N, C-alpha and C. Protein backbone atom coordinates (compact mmCIF):
# COMPACT_ATOMS: atom_id res chain seq x y z
N UNK A 1 136.87 -30.80 32.81
CA UNK A 1 136.34 -30.78 33.97
C UNK A 1 137.26 -29.29 35.41
N UNK A 2 136.02 -28.51 35.44
CA UNK A 2 136.80 -27.75 36.42
C UNK A 2 136.64 -28.40 37.80
N UNK A 3 137.07 -27.34 38.85
CA UNK A 3 137.33 -27.66 40.13
C UNK A 3 135.83 -27.80 41.17
N UNK A 4 135.06 -27.45 40.03
CA UNK A 4 133.86 -27.90 40.76
C UNK A 4 132.57 -28.83 39.90
N UNK A 5 133.15 -30.03 40.12
CA UNK A 5 132.59 -31.33 39.21
C UNK A 5 131.37 -31.52 39.40
N UNK A 6 130.61 -31.17 40.75
CA UNK A 6 129.40 -31.68 41.16
C UNK A 6 128.41 -30.50 40.44
N UNK A 7 129.00 -29.24 39.97
CA UNK A 7 128.56 -28.59 39.27
C UNK A 7 128.30 -29.18 37.83
N UNK A 8 129.46 -29.55 37.40
CA UNK A 8 129.61 -29.83 36.09
C UNK A 8 128.59 -31.13 35.97
N UNK A 9 128.46 -32.07 37.09
CA UNK A 9 127.58 -33.04 36.94
C UNK A 9 126.38 -32.88 36.89
N UNK A 10 125.80 -31.71 37.58
CA UNK A 10 124.23 -31.64 37.59
C UNK A 10 123.80 -30.52 36.62
N UNK A 11 125.06 -30.30 35.85
CA UNK A 11 124.56 -29.22 34.71
C UNK A 11 124.40 -30.08 33.65
N UNK A 12 125.16 -31.25 33.35
CA UNK A 12 125.03 -31.91 32.39
C UNK A 12 124.14 -32.57 32.42
N UNK A 13 123.25 -33.27 33.54
CA UNK A 13 122.35 -33.97 33.63
C UNK A 13 120.81 -33.24 33.61
N UNK A 14 121.13 -31.79 33.94
CA UNK A 14 119.82 -30.68 33.52
C UNK A 14 119.77 -30.69 32.00
N UNK A 15 120.87 -30.68 31.17
CA UNK A 15 121.09 -30.34 29.57
C UNK A 15 120.84 -31.53 29.35
N UNK A 16 120.89 -33.02 29.67
CA UNK A 16 120.80 -34.08 29.04
C UNK A 16 118.95 -34.26 29.23
N UNK A 17 118.18 -33.73 30.33
CA UNK A 17 117.08 -33.89 30.53
C UNK A 17 116.13 -32.77 29.79
N UNK A 18 116.74 -31.72 29.76
CA UNK A 18 115.92 -30.83 28.63
C UNK A 18 115.94 -31.58 27.28
N UNK A 19 117.23 -32.16 27.04
CA UNK A 19 117.14 -32.47 25.34
C UNK A 19 116.28 -33.52 25.54
N UNK A 20 115.94 -34.62 26.37
CA UNK A 20 114.70 -35.91 26.34
C UNK A 20 113.84 -35.04 26.54
N UNK A 21 113.05 -34.08 27.37
CA UNK A 21 112.10 -33.20 27.06
C UNK A 21 111.48 -32.79 25.80
N UNK A 22 112.56 -31.98 24.97
CA UNK A 22 112.47 -31.36 23.68
C UNK A 22 111.85 -32.65 22.62
N UNK A 23 112.39 -33.79 22.77
CA UNK A 23 112.24 -35.40 21.91
C UNK A 23 111.14 -35.63 22.44
N UNK A 24 110.67 -35.66 23.44
CA UNK A 24 108.97 -36.08 23.58
C UNK A 24 108.16 -35.00 23.50
N UNK A 25 108.46 -33.77 23.28
CA UNK A 25 107.58 -32.43 23.25
C UNK A 25 107.28 -32.91 21.54
N UNK A 26 108.33 -33.04 20.76
CA UNK A 26 108.39 -33.57 19.29
C UNK A 26 107.34 -34.84 19.00
N UNK A 27 107.68 -35.60 19.96
CA UNK A 27 106.76 -37.27 19.71
C UNK A 27 105.35 -36.67 19.82
N UNK A 28 105.04 -35.84 20.96
CA UNK A 28 103.95 -35.56 21.06
C UNK A 28 102.93 -34.93 20.00
N UNK A 29 103.88 -33.56 19.71
CA UNK A 29 103.20 -32.59 18.57
C UNK A 29 103.01 -33.58 17.39
N UNK A 30 103.69 -34.74 17.04
CA UNK A 30 103.85 -35.37 15.78
C UNK A 30 102.80 -36.87 15.86
N UNK A 31 102.52 -37.05 16.78
CA UNK A 31 101.51 -38.19 17.15
C UNK A 31 100.92 -38.39 15.94
N UNK A 32 99.90 -37.56 15.26
CA UNK A 32 98.60 -37.82 14.04
C UNK A 32 99.16 -37.39 13.24
N UNK A 33 100.88 -37.35 12.91
CA UNK A 33 101.39 -36.89 11.50
C UNK A 33 101.54 -38.11 10.64
N UNK A 34 100.99 -38.19 9.60
CA UNK A 34 100.74 -39.31 8.68
C UNK A 34 101.62 -39.12 7.41
N UNK A 35 102.27 -37.68 7.27
CA UNK A 35 102.94 -37.46 6.40
C UNK A 35 104.23 -36.71 6.81
N UNK A 36 105.37 -37.19 6.41
CA UNK A 36 106.83 -36.65 7.05
C UNK A 36 107.66 -36.38 5.53
N UNK A 37 108.43 -35.78 5.62
CA UNK A 37 109.20 -34.77 4.30
C UNK A 37 110.32 -36.37 4.10
N UNK A 38 110.49 -37.17 4.47
CA UNK A 38 111.06 -38.47 4.23
C UNK A 38 109.90 -39.22 3.69
N UNK A 39 108.63 -39.23 3.73
CA UNK A 39 107.80 -40.14 3.53
C UNK A 39 107.39 -41.12 4.31
N UNK A 40 106.00 -40.96 4.27
CA UNK A 40 105.31 -42.39 5.31
C UNK A 40 105.08 -41.34 6.80
N UNK A 41 104.57 -42.52 7.59
CA UNK A 41 104.27 -41.44 8.87
C UNK A 41 105.17 -41.00 9.61
N UNK A 42 105.35 -40.24 11.04
CA UNK A 42 106.54 -39.90 11.82
C UNK A 42 106.87 -41.21 12.55
N UNK A 43 107.80 -41.00 12.94
CA UNK A 43 108.22 -42.74 13.86
C UNK A 43 108.69 -41.83 14.79
N UNK A 44 108.35 -42.14 15.84
CA UNK A 44 108.95 -41.81 17.17
C UNK A 44 110.36 -41.95 17.52
N UNK A 45 110.79 -40.87 18.13
CA UNK A 45 112.22 -40.54 18.44
C UNK A 45 112.58 -40.98 19.61
N UNK A 46 113.51 -41.53 19.93
CA UNK A 46 114.09 -41.94 21.40
C UNK A 46 115.51 -40.91 21.64
N UNK A 47 115.74 -40.54 23.01
CA UNK A 47 117.25 -40.30 23.07
C UNK A 47 118.19 -40.84 23.90
N UNK A 48 119.21 -41.14 23.58
CA UNK A 48 120.69 -42.14 24.32
C UNK A 48 121.21 -41.12 24.57
N UNK A 49 121.20 -41.71 25.83
CA UNK A 49 122.73 -40.74 26.87
C UNK A 49 123.95 -41.83 26.64
N UNK A 50 125.16 -41.36 27.51
CA UNK A 50 126.37 -41.50 27.49
C UNK A 50 126.85 -41.01 28.74
N UNK A 51 127.33 -41.80 29.52
CA UNK A 51 128.34 -41.40 30.61
C UNK A 51 129.46 -41.02 30.38
N UNK A 52 129.84 -39.75 31.19
CA UNK A 52 131.43 -39.30 31.03
C UNK A 52 131.99 -39.45 32.39
N UNK A 53 133.28 -39.70 31.98
CA UNK A 53 134.24 -40.30 32.99
C UNK A 53 135.45 -39.36 32.98
N UNK A 54 136.02 -39.03 34.28
CA UNK A 54 137.39 -38.64 34.34
C UNK A 54 138.29 -39.30 34.91
N UNK A 55 139.63 -39.24 34.61
CA UNK A 55 140.37 -40.51 35.44
C UNK A 55 141.43 -39.62 36.69
N UNK A 56 141.17 -40.47 37.63
CA UNK A 56 141.80 -39.80 38.90
C UNK A 56 143.16 -40.16 38.88
N UNK A 57 144.20 -39.80 39.68
CA UNK A 57 145.58 -39.45 39.65
C UNK A 57 145.96 -41.22 39.89
N UNK A 58 145.02 -41.93 40.46
CA UNK A 58 145.02 -43.44 40.49
C UNK A 58 144.71 -43.88 39.38
N UNK A 59 144.22 -43.50 38.22
CA UNK A 59 143.76 -43.90 37.35
C UNK A 59 142.30 -44.29 37.10
N UNK A 60 141.64 -44.48 38.40
CA UNK A 60 140.57 -44.68 38.38
C UNK A 60 139.58 -43.93 37.67
N UNK A 61 138.63 -44.45 36.74
CA UNK A 61 137.44 -43.52 36.51
C UNK A 61 136.56 -43.25 37.61
N UNK A 62 136.25 -41.53 37.51
CA UNK A 62 135.24 -41.45 37.95
C UNK A 62 134.22 -41.00 37.41
N UNK A 63 133.37 -41.25 37.95
CA UNK A 63 131.76 -40.31 37.12
C UNK A 63 132.00 -38.42 37.02
N UNK A 64 131.81 -38.18 35.53
CA UNK A 64 131.79 -36.58 35.31
C UNK A 64 130.75 -36.17 34.62
N UNK A 65 129.75 -36.92 34.66
CA UNK A 65 128.71 -36.16 34.12
C UNK A 65 127.60 -37.30 33.20
N UNK A 66 126.83 -36.75 32.24
CA UNK A 66 126.29 -37.21 31.25
C UNK A 66 126.15 -36.54 29.88
N UNK A 67 125.89 -36.99 28.58
CA UNK A 67 125.80 -36.45 27.45
C UNK A 67 124.86 -37.29 26.82
N UNK A 68 124.16 -36.63 25.84
CA UNK A 68 123.47 -37.27 24.44
C UNK A 68 124.10 -37.57 23.74
N UNK A 69 124.20 -38.96 23.61
CA UNK A 69 124.95 -39.91 22.65
C UNK A 69 123.95 -39.50 20.86
N UNK A 70 122.53 -39.49 21.16
CA UNK A 70 122.37 -39.57 20.08
C UNK A 70 120.90 -39.46 20.04
N UNK A 71 119.76 -39.36 19.04
CA UNK A 71 118.44 -39.17 18.96
C UNK A 71 118.08 -40.39 17.98
N UNK A 72 117.72 -41.86 18.28
CA UNK A 72 117.31 -42.89 17.70
C UNK A 72 115.87 -42.97 17.22
N UNK A 73 115.23 -43.64 16.25
CA UNK A 73 113.90 -43.55 15.84
C UNK A 73 113.39 -45.13 16.50
N UNK A 74 112.60 -45.00 16.93
CA UNK A 74 111.72 -46.61 17.60
C UNK A 74 111.43 -47.73 16.23
N UNK A 75 111.81 -48.49 16.89
CA UNK A 75 111.74 -49.24 15.27
C UNK A 75 110.47 -49.95 15.49
N UNK A 76 109.68 -49.89 16.45
CA UNK A 76 108.28 -50.53 16.57
C UNK A 76 107.43 -50.51 15.53
N UNK A 77 106.63 -51.09 15.20
CA UNK A 77 105.50 -51.00 14.19
C UNK A 77 104.23 -49.58 14.42
N UNK A 78 104.17 -49.07 12.95
CA UNK A 78 103.25 -48.06 13.01
C UNK A 78 101.90 -49.01 13.48
N UNK A 79 100.94 -47.73 14.02
CA UNK A 79 99.54 -48.28 14.64
C UNK A 79 98.53 -48.30 12.79
N UNK A 80 97.93 -48.94 12.53
CA UNK A 80 97.38 -49.01 11.60
C UNK A 80 95.66 -48.47 11.90
N UNK A 81 95.19 -47.82 11.62
CA UNK A 81 93.68 -47.39 11.89
C UNK A 81 92.92 -47.59 10.42
N UNK A 82 91.36 -47.67 10.82
CA UNK A 82 90.93 -48.21 9.53
C UNK A 82 90.06 -47.02 9.24
N UNK A 83 90.37 -45.97 8.25
CA UNK A 83 89.60 -44.66 8.23
C UNK A 83 89.85 -44.20 6.65
N UNK A 84 89.18 -44.98 5.98
CA UNK A 84 88.67 -44.83 4.54
C UNK A 84 88.58 -43.54 3.90
N UNK A 85 87.92 -42.31 4.67
CA UNK A 85 87.78 -41.00 4.35
C UNK A 85 89.39 -40.33 4.49
N UNK A 86 90.58 -40.92 5.33
CA UNK A 86 91.78 -39.64 5.08
C UNK A 86 92.71 -39.97 3.65
N UNK A 87 93.14 -38.66 3.59
CA UNK A 87 93.60 -38.51 2.62
C UNK A 87 95.02 -39.76 1.96
N UNK A 88 95.34 -39.98 3.41
CA UNK A 88 96.71 -41.26 3.34
C UNK A 88 96.39 -42.81 3.38
N UNK A 89 94.83 -43.05 3.17
CA UNK A 89 94.37 -44.45 3.39
C UNK A 89 94.95 -45.25 2.14
N UNK A 90 94.87 -46.47 2.24
CA UNK A 90 95.36 -47.13 1.12
C UNK A 90 94.38 -47.69 0.69
N UNK A 91 94.18 -48.02 -0.49
CA UNK A 91 93.19 -49.02 -1.46
C UNK A 91 92.05 -49.74 -0.04
N UNK A 92 92.25 -50.34 0.83
CA UNK A 92 91.79 -50.88 1.46
C UNK A 92 90.83 -49.81 2.85
N UNK A 93 91.25 -48.86 3.13
CA UNK A 93 91.01 -47.94 3.70
C UNK A 93 91.83 -47.83 5.29
N UNK A 94 92.83 -48.22 4.90
CA UNK A 94 93.65 -48.27 6.13
C UNK A 94 94.99 -47.29 5.99
N UNK A 95 94.81 -46.78 6.92
CA UNK A 95 96.10 -45.37 7.51
C UNK A 95 97.11 -46.04 8.54
N UNK A 96 98.31 -46.00 8.14
CA UNK A 96 99.34 -46.25 9.00
C UNK A 96 99.93 -44.93 9.63
N UNK A 97 99.64 -45.20 11.02
CA UNK A 97 99.76 -44.05 12.07
C UNK A 97 100.84 -43.88 12.77
N UNK A 98 101.76 -42.75 13.21
CA UNK A 98 102.80 -43.17 13.98
C UNK A 98 102.74 -43.95 14.70
N UNK A 99 104.15 -44.21 15.58
CA UNK A 99 103.73 -45.38 16.63
C UNK A 99 104.19 -44.78 17.79
N UNK A 100 103.29 -43.62 18.19
CA UNK A 100 103.98 -42.66 19.22
C UNK A 100 102.44 -42.98 20.35
N UNK A 101 102.76 -43.16 21.23
CA UNK A 101 101.53 -43.63 22.53
C UNK A 101 101.75 -42.34 23.34
N UNK A 102 100.88 -41.59 23.50
CA UNK A 102 100.80 -40.34 24.03
C UNK A 102 100.73 -40.67 25.85
N UNK A 103 100.37 -41.75 26.16
CA UNK A 103 100.35 -42.12 27.97
C UNK A 103 101.86 -42.40 27.83
N UNK A 104 102.50 -43.48 26.98
CA UNK A 104 103.65 -43.56 27.36
C UNK A 104 104.60 -42.34 27.17
N UNK A 105 104.13 -41.80 26.56
CA UNK A 105 105.01 -40.20 26.19
C UNK A 105 104.82 -39.20 27.34
N UNK A 106 103.12 -39.02 27.91
CA UNK A 106 103.57 -38.49 29.28
C UNK A 106 104.16 -39.27 30.59
N UNK A 107 104.06 -40.61 30.56
CA UNK A 107 105.26 -41.00 31.50
C UNK A 107 106.70 -40.85 31.31
N UNK A 108 107.06 -41.19 30.48
CA UNK A 108 108.35 -40.37 29.88
C UNK A 108 108.65 -38.74 30.40
N UNK A 109 107.61 -37.76 30.23
CA UNK A 109 107.77 -36.66 30.39
C UNK A 109 107.83 -36.52 31.88
N UNK A 110 106.93 -37.13 32.40
CA UNK A 110 106.61 -36.72 34.02
C UNK A 110 108.53 -37.32 34.36
N UNK A 111 108.99 -38.37 34.22
CA UNK A 111 110.02 -38.98 34.33
C UNK A 111 111.19 -38.22 34.02
N UNK A 112 111.36 -37.63 33.15
CA UNK A 112 112.11 -36.47 32.48
C UNK A 112 112.26 -35.40 33.57
N UNK A 113 111.02 -34.67 33.82
CA UNK A 113 110.85 -33.55 34.57
C UNK A 113 111.60 -33.66 36.09
N UNK A 114 111.27 -34.90 36.52
CA UNK A 114 111.60 -35.27 37.95
C UNK A 114 113.40 -35.54 37.93
N UNK A 115 113.56 -36.05 36.69
CA UNK A 115 115.24 -35.94 36.87
C UNK A 115 115.84 -34.78 36.54
N UNK A 116 115.40 -33.95 35.88
CA UNK A 116 115.46 -32.30 35.71
C UNK A 116 115.38 -31.54 36.98
N UNK A 117 114.69 -31.95 37.54
CA UNK A 117 114.27 -31.23 39.25
C UNK A 117 115.49 -31.86 40.04
N UNK A 118 115.76 -33.68 40.08
CA UNK A 118 116.41 -34.06 41.20
C UNK A 118 117.88 -33.07 40.83
N UNK A 119 118.28 -33.01 39.48
CA UNK A 119 119.33 -32.41 39.05
C UNK A 119 119.73 -30.74 39.67
N UNK A 120 118.48 -30.14 39.61
CA UNK A 120 118.66 -29.07 40.01
C UNK A 120 118.86 -28.41 41.52
N UNK A 121 117.93 -29.41 42.22
CA UNK A 121 118.09 -29.74 43.62
C UNK A 121 119.33 -30.06 43.89
N UNK A 122 120.30 -30.98 43.35
CA UNK A 122 121.65 -31.28 43.74
C UNK A 122 122.20 -29.86 43.46
N UNK A 123 122.27 -29.33 42.25
CA UNK A 123 123.02 -27.92 42.20
C UNK A 123 122.80 -27.14 43.49
N UNK A 124 121.68 -26.99 43.65
CA UNK A 124 121.88 -25.67 44.92
C UNK A 124 122.25 -26.24 45.93
N UNK A 125 122.08 -27.91 46.25
CA UNK A 125 122.67 -28.43 47.35
C UNK A 125 124.36 -27.98 47.63
N UNK A 126 124.64 -28.32 46.57
CA UNK A 126 126.19 -28.46 45.86
C UNK A 126 126.24 -26.59 46.34
N UNK A 127 125.94 -25.86 46.08
CA UNK A 127 125.83 -24.25 45.91
C UNK A 127 125.64 -23.98 47.57
N UNK A 128 124.58 -24.44 48.30
CA UNK A 128 124.47 -24.14 49.43
C UNK A 128 125.79 -24.80 50.22
N UNK A 129 126.23 -25.92 50.02
CA UNK A 129 127.57 -26.49 50.84
C UNK A 129 128.63 -25.58 50.72
N UNK A 130 129.18 -24.95 49.22
CA UNK A 130 129.98 -23.90 49.38
C UNK A 130 130.03 -22.91 49.95
N UNK A 131 128.52 -22.53 49.80
CA UNK A 131 128.37 -21.11 50.80
C UNK A 131 128.46 -21.35 52.31
N UNK A 132 128.03 -22.41 52.59
CA UNK A 132 128.23 -22.59 53.86
C UNK A 132 129.63 -22.75 54.43
N UNK A 133 130.50 -23.61 53.61
CA UNK A 133 132.14 -23.15 54.16
C UNK A 133 132.78 -22.27 53.68
N UNK A 134 132.09 -21.62 52.77
CA UNK A 134 132.81 -20.02 52.69
C UNK A 134 132.67 -19.02 54.22
N UNK A 135 131.34 -19.51 54.35
CA UNK A 135 130.87 -18.91 55.39
C UNK A 135 132.29 -19.29 56.86
N UNK A 136 132.08 -20.49 57.05
CA UNK A 136 133.06 -21.33 57.75
C UNK A 136 134.31 -20.95 57.73
N UNK A 137 134.54 -20.69 56.55
CA UNK A 137 136.37 -19.77 56.63
C UNK A 137 136.36 -18.46 57.16
N UNK A 138 135.36 -17.59 56.81
CA UNK A 138 135.28 -16.69 57.56
C UNK A 138 135.23 -15.92 58.80
N UNK A 139 134.65 -17.00 59.45
CA UNK A 139 134.76 -17.30 61.05
C UNK A 139 136.00 -17.36 61.79
């Protein structure tokens, strides 16, 4: 951590939300993918975050940002759709479809976008405060 930990915290939030948006976009793009290289339908992915801390002189943990700790697969069941004409239909005409819910993905996308914007706003506010402090110091 540098001297500008406020910048570091906001920047880590921006990077984390950008990664979240990438995962959401991947989920939406594969919402109808019934075949993957590993076999079977696409499985929805979720991103997990981990808080970062630094220690102060007194040994107290101070928040220092967030980082992506991993991308995990959503274990919920696949959707099953009756479509006997589909090339991946089983002998009874049912197709296993990805466990991606477009409405849920759109809500997650809005949430990630707002969190991204909040981090940008915090970054700009920090920049403005530092700029004002410099101007006061010049006077």
